[in-house]
Amino acid sequence: MSAYIYIEGGGTSADSKEVDIRCREGFRKLLENCGFAAEKRMPRLIACGGRSAAYDAFKIAQHRSAAGVFLALSVDSEEPLADLEATWRHLQARDQWTRPEGTTDEQVLSMTTCMETWFIADRAALKCHFKHELQESALPPLNALETRHRHEVQQQLIHATRECSNAYAKGGRSFEILGKLSPSVLEQHLPTFVRVRRILRAHL
């Protein structure tokens, strides 16, 4: 089955091409870590920039898609999910996005509440990336990570890496961390990542 994932992430300015490349590379490495590359089941990854641009690109692709093609939209949930499986209901309430005709909740792969939540879940990957300068004590506890507001998560990650030579900032640098994450570690702390992996196993 052919598969395409439209990703919230990538460039929105003059450096957009380079950031798009880094975005796709980060997600590709994470999927390889999940084992999909070895099974020759890698989807095509489309870095769309902002979340609205990702939604618009997904809608167009859904309208034009042929039978036997799996399309997915990967976006930050931005807020905690009341129901992990009711993704379109969440996006309609939060973003006023209408579910495209013919789509299902499984076509939304939520990063809850943001990509940085995934980073914070894998302390070993953070230590590998930021080295000894990482202030791990400044990071939030690992329990109930997906209930934490995205701004809290992002600011705590920035604070924890403020003394690092490669201090955290959104953009191309963030996708370098993505490719270092351990899927098995993420599954210990993030129910929505368990869901993402389950859906991809079923459709790739």
N, C-alpha and C. Protein backbone atom coordinates (compact mmCIF):
# COMPACT_ATOMS: atom_id res chain seq x y z
N MET A 1 0.84 -1.19 0.00
CA MET A 1 0.00 0.00 0.00
C MET A 1 0.88 1.25 0.00
N SER A 2 0.55 2.22 -0.86
CA SER A 2 1.24 3.50 -0.83
C SER A 2 0.74 4.31 0.35
N ALA A 3 1.64 5.08 0.96
CA ALA A 3 1.25 5.88 2.12
C ALA A 3 1.97 7.22 2.08
N TYR A 4 1.25 8.26 2.52
CA TYR A 4 1.79 9.62 2.56
C TYR A 4 1.41 10.23 3.90
N ILE A 5 2.38 10.88 4.54
CA ILE A 5 2.11 11.57 5.80
C ILE A 5 2.41 13.05 5.62
N TYR A 6 1.39 13.88 5.87
CA TYR A 6 1.51 15.34 5.76
C TYR A 6 1.81 15.87 7.15
N ILE A 7 2.99 16.48 7.30
CA ILE A 7 3.54 16.79 8.62
C ILE A 7 3.49 18.28 8.91
N GLU A 8 3.01 18.62 10.11
CA GLU A 8 3.19 19.97 10.62
C GLU A 8 4.66 20.11 11.01
N GLY A 9 5.39 20.88 10.25
CA GLY A 9 6.82 21.00 10.49
C GLY A 9 7.53 21.36 9.21
N GLY A 10 8.64 22.05 9.35
CA GLY A 10 9.37 22.49 8.19
C GLY A 10 9.47 24.00 8.19
N GLY A 11 9.96 24.54 7.12
CA GLY A 11 10.26 25.97 7.07
C GLY A 11 9.09 26.82 6.61
N THR A 12 9.06 28.04 7.10
CA THR A 12 8.04 29.00 6.68
C THR A 12 8.69 30.32 6.27
N SER A 13 10.03 30.30 6.08
CA SER A 13 10.75 31.53 5.75
C SER A 13 11.79 31.23 4.68
N ALA A 14 12.83 32.08 4.60
CA ALA A 14 13.82 31.95 3.54
C ALA A 14 14.59 30.63 3.63
N ASP A 15 14.69 30.06 4.83
CA ASP A 15 15.44 28.81 5.00
C ASP A 15 14.53 27.59 4.92
N SER A 16 13.33 27.76 4.35
CA SER A 16 12.32 26.71 4.41
C SER A 16 12.78 25.41 3.75
N LYS A 17 13.52 25.48 2.66
CA LYS A 17 13.93 24.25 1.97
C LYS A 17 14.83 23.41 2.87
N GLU A 18 15.80 24.03 3.52
CA GLU A 18 16.70 23.29 4.40
C GLU A 18 15.96 22.71 5.58
N VAL A 19 15.04 23.49 6.18
CA VAL A 19 14.30 23.00 7.33
C VAL A 19 13.36 21.87 6.92
N ASP A 20 12.76 21.97 5.74
CA ASP A 20 11.92 20.89 5.23
C ASP A 20 12.71 19.59 5.15
N ILE A 21 13.93 19.69 4.64
CA ILE A 21 14.78 18.50 4.51
C ILE A 21 15.06 17.90 5.88
N ARG A 22 15.38 18.75 6.84
CA ARG A 22 15.68 18.26 8.20
C ARG A 22 14.44 17.66 8.85
N CYS A 23 13.30 18.25 8.58
CA CYS A 23 12.04 17.71 9.12
C CYS A 23 11.80 16.31 8.59
N ARG A 24 11.88 16.14 7.29
CA ARG A 24 11.66 14.81 6.70
C ARG A 24 12.69 13.81 7.20
N GLU A 25 13.94 14.26 7.33
CA GLU A 25 15.00 13.37 7.79
C GLU A 25 14.76 12.92 9.22
N GLY A 26 14.33 13.85 10.10
CA GLY A 26 14.06 13.49 11.48
C GLY A 26 12.94 12.46 11.59
N PHE A 27 11.84 12.69 10.87
CA PHE A 27 10.73 11.74 10.91
C PHE A 27 11.11 10.42 10.26
N ARG A 28 11.90 10.48 9.18
CA ARG A 28 12.33 9.25 8.53
C ARG A 28 13.15 8.39 9.48
N LYS A 29 14.07 9.00 10.22
CA LYS A 29 14.90 8.25 11.16
C LYS A 29 14.05 7.65 12.29
N LEU A 30 13.06 8.41 12.76
CA LEU A 30 12.19 7.88 13.81
C LEU A 30 11.42 6.67 13.29
N LEU A 31 10.91 6.74 12.08
CA LEU A 31 10.19 5.61 11.51
C LEU A 31 11.11 4.42 11.28
N GLU A 32 12.35 4.70 10.91
CA GLU A 32 13.32 3.61 10.78
C GLU A 32 13.55 2.96 12.14
N ASN A 33 13.64 3.78 13.19
CA ASN A 33 13.80 3.24 14.54
C ASN A 33 12.61 2.39 14.95
N CYS A 34 11.45 2.68 14.38
CA CYS A 34 10.25 1.89 14.64
C CYS A 34 10.25 0.57 13.88
N GLY A 35 11.19 0.43 12.94
CA GLY A 35 11.32 -0.82 12.20
C GLY A 35 10.69 -0.84 10.83
N PHE A 36 10.11 0.27 10.40
CA PHE A 36 9.40 0.25 9.12
C PHE A 36 10.33 0.18 7.92
N ALA A 37 11.52 0.76 8.01
CA ALA A 37 12.44 0.74 6.87
C ALA A 37 12.87 -0.68 6.56
N ALA A 38 13.16 -1.45 7.61
CA ALA A 38 13.60 -2.82 7.41
C ALA A 38 12.53 -3.66 6.73
N GLU A 39 11.29 -3.27 6.90
CA GLU A 39 10.19 -4.00 6.31
C GLU A 39 9.77 -3.41 4.96
N LYS A 40 10.54 -2.43 4.50
CA LYS A 40 10.26 -1.76 3.22
C LYS A 40 8.84 -1.19 3.19
N ARG A 41 8.48 -0.54 4.29
CA ARG A 41 7.13 0.00 4.41
C ARG A 41 7.16 1.50 4.73
N MET A 42 8.18 2.19 4.27
CA MET A 42 8.29 3.61 4.59
C MET A 42 7.29 4.44 3.79
N PRO A 43 6.57 5.34 4.46
CA PRO A 43 5.66 6.24 3.74
C PRO A 43 6.45 7.39 3.13
N ARG A 44 5.82 8.10 2.24
CA ARG A 44 6.41 9.34 1.75
C ARG A 44 6.06 10.45 2.74
N LEU A 45 7.06 11.23 3.14
CA LEU A 45 6.87 12.27 4.15
C LEU A 45 6.85 13.64 3.48
N ILE A 46 5.82 14.44 3.77
CA ILE A 46 5.68 15.77 3.19
C ILE A 46 5.68 16.79 4.31
N ALA A 47 6.76 17.57 4.40
CA ALA A 47 6.86 18.64 5.39
C ALA A 47 6.10 19.86 4.87
N CYS A 48 5.12 20.31 5.64
CA CYS A 48 4.20 21.33 5.13
C CYS A 48 4.38 22.70 5.77
N GLY A 49 5.23 22.83 6.78
CA GLY A 49 5.34 24.10 7.47
C GLY A 49 4.35 24.17 8.61
N GLY A 50 3.51 25.18 8.64
CA GLY A 50 2.55 25.37 9.71
C GLY A 50 1.43 24.34 9.72
N ARG A 51 0.70 24.28 10.83
CA ARG A 51 -0.34 23.27 10.98
C ARG A 51 -1.49 23.49 9.99
N SER A 52 -1.86 24.72 9.74
CA SER A 52 -2.93 24.98 8.77
C SER A 52 -2.53 24.55 7.37
N ALA A 53 -1.27 24.78 7.03
CA ALA A 53 -0.77 24.37 5.72
C ALA A 53 -0.79 22.84 5.60
N ALA A 54 -0.46 22.15 6.68
CA ALA A 54 -0.49 20.69 6.67
C ALA A 54 -1.92 20.18 6.48
N TYR A 55 -2.86 20.80 7.17
CA TYR A 55 -4.27 20.42 7.04
C TYR A 55 -4.76 20.67 5.62
N ASP A 56 -4.43 21.81 5.05
CA ASP A 56 -4.87 22.13 3.69
C ASP A 56 -4.29 21.16 2.68
N ALA A 57 -3.01 20.81 2.83
CA ALA A 57 -2.37 19.87 1.91
C ALA A 57 -2.99 18.48 2.04
N PHE A 58 -3.30 18.09 3.27
CA PHE A 58 -3.95 16.81 3.49
C PHE A 58 -5.32 16.76 2.84
N LYS A 59 -6.08 17.84 2.99
CA LYS A 59 -7.43 17.90 2.39
C LYS A 59 -7.37 17.73 0.89
N ILE A 60 -6.45 18.42 0.25
CA ILE A 60 -6.31 18.34 -1.20
C ILE A 60 -5.94 16.91 -1.61
N ALA A 61 -4.98 16.33 -0.89
CA ALA A 61 -4.55 14.98 -1.21
C ALA A 61 -5.68 13.97 -1.02
N GLN A 62 -6.46 14.16 0.04
CA GLN A 62 -7.58 13.26 0.30
C GLN A 62 -8.60 13.34 -0.82
N HIS A 63 -8.85 14.53 -1.31
CA HIS A 63 -9.81 14.71 -2.40
C HIS A 63 -9.35 14.02 -3.68
N ARG A 64 -8.04 13.98 -3.90
CA ARG A 64 -7.48 13.45 -5.14
C ARG A 64 -7.02 12.00 -5.02
N SER A 65 -7.06 11.44 -3.82
CA SER A 65 -6.42 10.14 -3.59
C SER A 65 -7.13 9.01 -4.33
N ALA A 66 -6.32 8.03 -4.68
CA ALA A 66 -6.84 6.84 -5.34
C ALA A 66 -7.08 5.75 -4.31
N ALA A 67 -7.80 4.74 -4.71
CA ALA A 67 -8.06 3.61 -3.82
C ALA A 67 -6.74 2.92 -3.47
N GLY A 68 -6.65 2.45 -2.24
CA GLY A 68 -5.47 1.73 -1.81
C GLY A 68 -4.33 2.60 -1.33
N VAL A 69 -4.57 3.92 -1.19
CA VAL A 69 -3.55 4.85 -0.70
C VAL A 69 -3.94 5.28 0.71
N PHE A 70 -2.99 5.19 1.64
CA PHE A 70 -3.24 5.64 3.00
C PHE A 70 -2.63 7.03 3.17
N LEU A 71 -3.46 7.98 3.58
CA LEU A 71 -3.02 9.34 3.83
C LEU A 71 -3.17 9.65 5.31
N ALA A 72 -2.19 10.35 5.87
CA ALA A 72 -2.26 10.70 7.28
C ALA A 72 -1.80 12.14 7.48
N LEU A 73 -2.33 12.75 8.54
CA LEU A 73 -1.99 14.11 8.93
C LEU A 73 -1.32 14.05 10.29
N SER A 74 -0.07 14.51 10.37
CA SER A 74 0.67 14.50 11.63
C SER A 74 0.79 15.92 12.14
N VAL A 75 0.08 16.23 13.23
CA VAL A 75 0.08 17.58 13.79
C VAL A 75 0.13 17.53 15.31
N ASP A 76 0.64 18.60 15.92
CA ASP A 76 0.54 18.75 17.37
C ASP A 76 -0.93 18.84 17.76
N SER A 77 -1.28 18.21 18.85
CA SER A 77 -2.66 18.36 19.32
C SER A 77 -2.87 19.74 19.94
N GLU A 78 -1.76 20.39 20.36
CA GLU A 78 -1.76 21.73 20.96
C GLU A 78 -2.37 21.75 22.36
N GLU A 79 -3.38 20.94 22.60
CA GLU A 79 -4.02 20.83 23.90
C GLU A 79 -4.15 19.33 24.22
N PRO A 80 -4.27 18.96 25.49
CA PRO A 80 -4.48 17.55 25.83
C PRO A 80 -5.72 17.00 25.14
N LEU A 81 -5.67 15.73 24.78
CA LEU A 81 -6.79 15.08 24.11
C LEU A 81 -7.74 14.47 25.16
N ALA A 82 -9.00 14.82 25.06
CA ALA A 82 -9.99 14.23 25.96
C ALA A 82 -10.20 12.76 25.64
N ASP A 83 -10.12 12.42 24.35
CA ASP A 83 -10.28 11.05 23.86
C ASP A 83 -9.21 10.84 22.80
N LEU A 84 -8.28 9.94 23.06
CA LEU A 84 -7.16 9.73 22.15
C LEU A 84 -7.60 9.33 20.76
N GLU A 85 -8.74 8.68 20.65
CA GLU A 85 -9.20 8.19 19.35
C GLU A 85 -10.09 9.19 18.60
N ALA A 86 -10.61 10.19 19.30
CA ALA A 86 -11.52 11.16 18.66
C ALA A 86 -10.73 12.37 18.16
N THR A 87 -9.84 12.14 17.23
CA THR A 87 -8.91 13.18 16.80
C THR A 87 -9.59 14.28 15.99
N TRP A 88 -10.51 13.92 15.12
CA TRP A 88 -11.17 14.96 14.32
C TRP A 88 -12.09 15.82 15.19
N ARG A 89 -12.71 15.21 16.19
CA ARG A 89 -13.54 16.00 17.10
C ARG A 89 -12.68 17.03 17.83
N HIS A 90 -11.48 16.62 18.23
CA HIS A 90 -10.55 17.53 18.91
C HIS A 90 -10.14 18.68 17.98
N LEU A 91 -9.79 18.36 16.75
CA LEU A 91 -9.34 19.39 15.82
C LEU A 91 -10.48 20.33 15.41
N GLN A 92 -11.68 19.80 15.35
CA GLN A 92 -12.82 20.66 15.03
C GLN A 92 -13.08 21.63 16.18
N ALA A 93 -12.99 21.15 17.41
CA ALA A 93 -13.24 22.02 18.57
C ALA A 93 -12.13 23.04 18.74
N ARG A 94 -10.88 22.63 18.53
CA ARG A 94 -9.77 23.54 18.80
C ARG A 94 -9.44 24.46 17.63
N ASP A 95 -9.44 23.90 16.42
CA ASP A 95 -9.00 24.65 15.24
C ASP A 95 -10.12 24.99 14.26
N GLN A 96 -11.32 24.50 14.57
CA GLN A 96 -12.44 24.67 13.65
C GLN A 96 -12.17 24.02 12.30
N TRP A 97 -11.45 22.90 12.33
CA TRP A 97 -11.19 22.15 11.10
C TRP A 97 -12.31 21.14 10.87
N THR A 98 -12.84 21.13 9.68
CA THR A 98 -13.86 20.17 9.31
C THR A 98 -13.21 18.89 8.83
N ARG A 99 -13.73 17.78 9.28
CA ARG A 99 -13.17 16.50 8.83
C ARG A 99 -13.47 16.30 7.35
N PRO A 100 -12.44 16.11 6.52
CA PRO A 100 -12.68 15.89 5.08
C PRO A 100 -13.52 14.64 4.85
N GLU A 101 -14.36 14.70 3.87
CA GLU A 101 -15.24 13.58 3.56
C GLU A 101 -14.43 12.32 3.30
N GLY A 102 -14.87 11.24 3.91
CA GLY A 102 -14.23 9.95 3.68
C GLY A 102 -13.07 9.64 4.60
N THR A 103 -12.70 10.57 5.47
CA THR A 103 -11.56 10.32 6.35
C THR A 103 -12.01 9.70 7.67
N THR A 104 -11.05 9.11 8.37
CA THR A 104 -11.32 8.50 9.67
C THR A 104 -10.38 9.12 10.71
N ASP A 105 -10.67 8.87 11.97
CA ASP A 105 -9.82 9.38 13.05
C ASP A 105 -8.41 8.80 12.99
N GLU A 106 -8.27 7.60 12.43
CA GLU A 106 -6.96 6.99 12.35
C GLU A 106 -6.02 7.74 11.40
N GLN A 107 -6.56 8.61 10.58
CA GLN A 107 -5.72 9.37 9.65
C GLN A 107 -5.08 10.59 10.30
N VAL A 108 -5.41 10.86 11.55
CA VAL A 108 -4.76 11.94 12.29
C VAL A 108 -3.81 11.32 13.30
N LEU A 109 -2.52 11.62 13.13
CA LEU A 109 -1.48 11.10 14.02
C LEU A 109 -1.05 12.25 14.93
N SER A 110 -1.63 12.31 16.09
CA SER A 110 -1.42 13.45 16.99
C SER A 110 -0.09 13.34 17.73
N MET A 111 0.61 14.47 17.81
CA MET A 111 1.74 14.61 18.72
C MET A 111 1.21 15.41 19.92
N THR A 112 1.02 14.73 21.04
CA THR A 112 0.31 15.33 22.17
C THR A 112 1.28 15.66 23.31
N THR A 113 1.29 16.94 23.74
CA THR A 113 0.56 18.03 23.11
C THR A 113 1.37 18.71 22.02
N CYS A 114 2.65 18.36 21.93
CA CYS A 114 3.53 18.93 20.89
C CYS A 114 4.72 17.99 20.71
N MET A 115 5.51 18.26 19.68
CA MET A 115 6.67 17.41 19.40
C MET A 115 7.65 17.41 20.56
N GLU A 116 7.76 18.54 21.26
CA GLU A 116 8.68 18.61 22.40
C GLU A 116 8.30 17.65 23.53
N THR A 117 7.03 17.29 23.62
CA THR A 117 6.62 16.29 24.60
C THR A 117 7.31 14.97 24.32
N TRP A 118 7.44 14.63 23.04
CA TRP A 118 8.16 13.41 22.66
C TRP A 118 9.61 13.49 23.11
N PHE A 119 10.22 14.65 22.90
CA PHE A 119 11.63 14.81 23.28
C PHE A 119 11.82 14.60 24.78
N ILE A 120 10.98 15.24 25.56
CA ILE A 120 11.12 15.20 27.02
C ILE A 120 10.89 13.79 27.56
N ALA A 121 10.14 12.98 26.83
CA ALA A 121 9.88 11.61 27.27
C ALA A 121 11.12 10.73 27.22
N ASP A 122 12.07 11.07 26.35
CA ASP A 122 13.26 10.24 26.17
C ASP A 122 14.48 10.97 26.72
N ARG A 123 14.75 10.79 28.01
CA ARG A 123 15.84 11.51 28.67
C ARG A 123 17.20 11.06 28.13
N ALA A 124 17.33 9.78 27.77
CA ALA A 124 18.60 9.30 27.25
C ALA A 124 18.94 9.99 25.93
N ALA A 125 17.92 10.18 25.07
CA ALA A 125 18.16 10.87 23.80
C ALA A 125 18.54 12.32 24.02
N LEU A 126 17.92 12.96 25.01
CA LEU A 126 18.27 14.35 25.32
C LEU A 126 19.71 14.46 25.82
N LYS A 127 20.11 13.52 26.68
CA LYS A 127 21.47 13.53 27.19
C LYS A 127 22.48 13.29 26.06
N CYS A 128 22.12 12.42 25.14
CA CYS A 128 22.99 12.14 24.00
C CYS A 128 23.15 13.39 23.14
N HIS A 129 22.08 14.13 22.98
CA HIS A 129 22.10 15.30 22.10
C HIS A 129 22.73 16.52 22.76
N PHE A 130 22.36 16.78 24.02
CA PHE A 130 22.81 18.01 24.69
C PHE A 130 24.02 17.81 25.61
N LYS A 131 24.41 16.55 25.81
CA LYS A 131 25.58 16.22 26.61
C LYS A 131 25.40 16.63 28.08
N HIS A 132 26.52 16.79 28.78
CA HIS A 132 26.50 17.01 30.23
C HIS A 132 25.94 18.37 30.62
N GLU A 133 25.79 19.28 29.65
CA GLU A 133 25.29 20.61 29.98
C GLU A 133 23.78 20.63 30.19
N LEU A 134 23.11 19.56 29.82
CA LEU A 134 21.66 19.48 30.03
C LEU A 134 21.34 19.50 31.52
N GLN A 135 20.42 20.36 31.92
CA GLN A 135 19.96 20.41 33.31
C GLN A 135 18.70 19.57 33.41
N GLU A 136 18.88 18.30 33.64
CA GLU A 136 17.75 17.36 33.63
C GLU A 136 16.73 17.69 34.71
N SER A 137 17.19 18.25 35.83
CA SER A 137 16.27 18.56 36.92
C SER A 137 15.27 19.65 36.55
N ALA A 138 15.54 20.39 35.48
CA ALA A 138 14.62 21.44 35.05
C ALA A 138 13.49 20.91 34.17
N LEU A 139 13.57 19.65 33.79
CA LEU A 139 12.55 19.03 32.95
C LEU A 139 11.37 18.57 33.80
N PRO A 140 10.19 18.51 33.24
CA PRO A 140 9.02 18.06 34.01
C PRO A 140 9.09 16.57 34.29
N PRO A 141 8.37 16.09 35.32
CA PRO A 141 8.32 14.65 35.60
C PRO A 141 7.77 13.88 34.41
N LEU A 142 8.10 12.60 34.33
CA LEU A 142 7.69 11.79 33.19
C LEU A 142 6.23 11.33 33.28
N ASN A 143 5.65 11.40 34.45
CA ASN A 143 4.26 10.94 34.57
C ASN A 143 3.30 11.97 33.96
N ALA A 144 2.30 11.48 33.29
CA ALA A 144 1.23 12.32 32.71
C ALA A 144 1.77 13.43 31.81
N LEU A 145 2.77 13.13 31.03
CA LEU A 145 3.36 14.16 30.17
C LEU A 145 2.36 14.75 29.19
N GLU A 146 1.46 13.92 28.69
CA GLU A 146 0.54 14.39 27.65
C GLU A 146 -0.58 15.28 28.19
N THR A 147 -0.61 15.48 29.49
CA THR A 147 -1.58 16.42 30.07
C THR A 147 -0.98 17.81 30.24
N ARG A 148 0.28 17.97 29.96
CA ARG A 148 0.96 19.25 30.17
C ARG A 148 0.78 20.16 28.97
N HIS A 149 0.57 21.43 29.24
CA HIS A 149 0.37 22.41 28.18
C HIS A 149 1.63 22.54 27.34
N ARG A 150 1.45 22.73 26.06
CA ARG A 150 2.61 22.79 25.14
C ARG A 150 3.58 23.90 25.50
N HIS A 151 3.06 25.05 25.94
CA HIS A 151 3.96 26.16 26.27
C HIS A 151 4.83 25.81 27.49
N GLU A 152 4.25 25.11 28.44
CA GLU A 152 5.01 24.65 29.62
C GLU A 152 6.13 23.71 29.20
N VAL A 153 5.78 22.74 28.36
CA VAL A 153 6.77 21.76 27.90
C VAL A 153 7.89 22.44 27.13
N GLN A 154 7.54 23.31 26.21
CA GLN A 154 8.54 23.97 25.39
C GLN A 154 9.45 24.87 26.22
N GLN A 155 8.87 25.62 27.14
CA GLN A 155 9.69 26.52 27.96
C GLN A 155 10.60 25.74 28.90
N GLN A 156 10.14 24.63 29.42
CA GLN A 156 11.00 23.85 30.32
C GLN A 156 12.15 23.21 29.56
N LEU A 157 11.91 22.80 28.33
CA LEU A 157 13.01 22.26 27.52
C LEU A 157 14.02 23.35 27.18
N ILE A 158 13.54 24.52 26.84
CA ILE A 158 14.45 25.65 26.57
C ILE A 158 15.27 25.98 27.81
N HIS A 159 14.61 26.01 28.97
CA HIS A 159 15.31 26.34 30.21
C HIS A 159 16.35 25.28 30.56
N ALA A 160 16.00 24.01 30.36
CA ALA A 160 16.91 22.92 30.71
C ALA A 160 18.16 22.89 29.83
N THR A 161 18.08 23.50 28.66
CA THR A 161 19.21 23.47 27.72
C THR A 161 19.87 24.84 27.56
N ARG A 162 19.53 25.78 28.43
CA ARG A 162 20.00 27.15 28.24
C ARG A 162 21.53 27.28 28.32
N GLU A 163 22.20 26.38 29.05
CA GLU A 163 23.65 26.42 29.17
C GLU A 163 24.36 25.57 28.11
N CYS A 164 23.58 24.93 27.26
CA CYS A 164 24.16 24.05 26.24
C CYS A 164 24.64 24.86 25.04
N SER A 165 25.71 24.43 24.44
CA SER A 165 26.20 25.12 23.24
C SER A 165 25.21 25.01 22.08
N ASN A 166 24.40 23.97 22.10
CA ASN A 166 23.36 23.78 21.08
C ASN A 166 21.98 23.93 21.72
N ALA A 167 21.80 24.99 22.50
CA ALA A 167 20.55 25.20 23.25
C ALA A 167 19.33 25.01 22.35
N TYR A 168 18.27 24.46 22.93
CA TYR A 168 17.10 24.11 22.13
C TYR A 168 16.42 25.33 21.53
N ALA A 169 16.04 25.19 20.27
CA ALA A 169 15.22 26.19 19.58
C ALA A 169 14.41 25.45 18.53
N LYS A 170 13.19 25.87 18.32
CA LYS A 170 12.37 25.25 17.29
C LYS A 170 12.99 25.54 15.92
N GLY A 171 12.77 24.60 15.01
CA GLY A 171 13.35 24.76 13.68
C GLY A 171 14.16 23.53 13.31
N GLY A 172 15.14 23.73 12.44
CA GLY A 172 15.93 22.61 11.96
C GLY A 172 16.60 21.83 13.05
N ARG A 173 17.07 22.50 14.10
CA ARG A 173 17.77 21.82 15.19
C ARG A 173 16.87 20.84 15.92
N SER A 174 15.60 21.16 16.03
CA SER A 174 14.69 20.28 16.77
C SER A 174 14.55 18.92 16.10
N PHE A 175 14.63 18.88 14.78
CA PHE A 175 14.44 17.62 14.08
C PHE A 175 15.64 16.69 14.23
N GLU A 176 16.79 17.22 14.62
CA GLU A 176 17.94 16.37 14.91
C GLU A 176 17.65 15.47 16.10
N ILE A 177 16.92 16.00 17.08
CA ILE A 177 16.58 15.20 18.26
C ILE A 177 15.59 14.11 17.89
N LEU A 178 14.66 14.44 17.03
CA LEU A 178 13.60 13.50 16.65
C LEU A 178 14.18 12.18 16.16
N GLY A 179 15.23 12.26 15.37
CA GLY A 179 15.82 11.05 14.82
C GLY A 179 16.58 10.21 15.82
N LYS A 180 16.80 10.73 17.03
CA LYS A 180 17.52 9.99 18.07
C LYS A 180 16.59 9.32 19.08
N LEU A 181 15.30 9.54 18.96
CA LEU A 181 14.35 9.02 19.95
C LEU A 181 14.18 7.51 19.85
N SER A 182 13.95 6.89 21.00
CA SER A 182 13.71 5.45 21.07
C SER A 182 12.20 5.19 21.11
N PRO A 183 11.64 4.53 20.11
CA PRO A 183 10.20 4.26 20.14
C PRO A 183 9.76 3.49 21.38
N SER A 184 10.57 2.56 21.85
CA SER A 184 10.17 1.78 23.03
C SER A 184 10.10 2.65 24.28
N VAL A 185 10.98 3.65 24.38
CA VAL A 185 10.92 4.58 25.51
C VAL A 185 9.69 5.47 25.39
N LEU A 186 9.43 5.97 24.20
CA LEU A 186 8.26 6.83 24.01
C LEU A 186 6.98 6.09 24.36
N GLU A 187 6.91 4.83 24.01
CA GLU A 187 5.70 4.06 24.30
C GLU A 187 5.47 3.88 25.80
N GLN A 188 6.52 3.95 26.60
CA GLN A 188 6.36 3.83 28.04
C GLN A 188 5.64 5.02 28.65
N HIS A 189 5.73 6.18 28.01
CA HIS A 189 5.24 7.41 28.62
C HIS A 189 4.14 8.12 27.83
N LEU A 190 3.97 7.76 26.56
CA LEU A 190 3.08 8.53 25.69
C LEU A 190 2.03 7.64 25.03
N PRO A 191 0.81 7.61 25.56
CA PRO A 191 -0.24 6.80 24.95
C PRO A 191 -0.51 7.14 23.49
N THR A 192 -0.39 8.41 23.11
CA THR A 192 -0.68 8.75 21.71
C THR A 192 0.42 8.24 20.79
N PHE A 193 1.65 8.10 21.29
CA PHE A 193 2.69 7.50 20.44
C PHE A 193 2.41 6.02 20.24
N VAL A 194 1.92 5.35 21.28
CA VAL A 194 1.50 3.95 21.12
C VAL A 194 0.46 3.85 20.01
N ARG A 195 -0.48 4.79 20.03
CA ARG A 195 -1.53 4.83 19.01
C ARG A 195 -0.95 5.06 17.62
N VAL A 196 -0.05 6.01 17.48
CA VAL A 196 0.57 6.30 16.18
C VAL A 196 1.25 5.05 15.62
N ARG A 197 2.02 4.40 16.46
CA ARG A 197 2.76 3.23 16.00
C ARG A 197 1.80 2.10 15.61
N ARG A 198 0.73 1.94 16.39
CA ARG A 198 -0.26 0.90 16.08
C ARG A 198 -0.91 1.16 14.73
N ILE A 199 -1.29 2.40 14.48
CA ILE A 199 -1.93 2.75 13.21
C ILE A 199 -0.99 2.53 12.04
N LEU A 200 0.25 2.95 12.19
CA LEU A 200 1.20 2.79 11.10
C LEU A 200 1.49 1.32 10.82
N ARG A 201 1.56 0.52 11.87
CA ARG A 201 1.74 -0.92 11.65
C ARG A 201 0.60 -1.50 10.82
N ALA A 202 -0.59 -1.01 11.05
CA ALA A 202 -1.77 -1.54 10.35
C ALA A 202 -1.86 -1.09 8.90
N HIS A 203 -1.28 0.09 8.58
CA HIS A 203 -1.51 0.67 7.26
C HIS A 203 -0.27 0.73 6.37
N LEU A 204 0.89 0.50 6.92
CA LEU A 204 2.09 0.55 6.07
C LEU A 204 2.47 -0.84 5.59
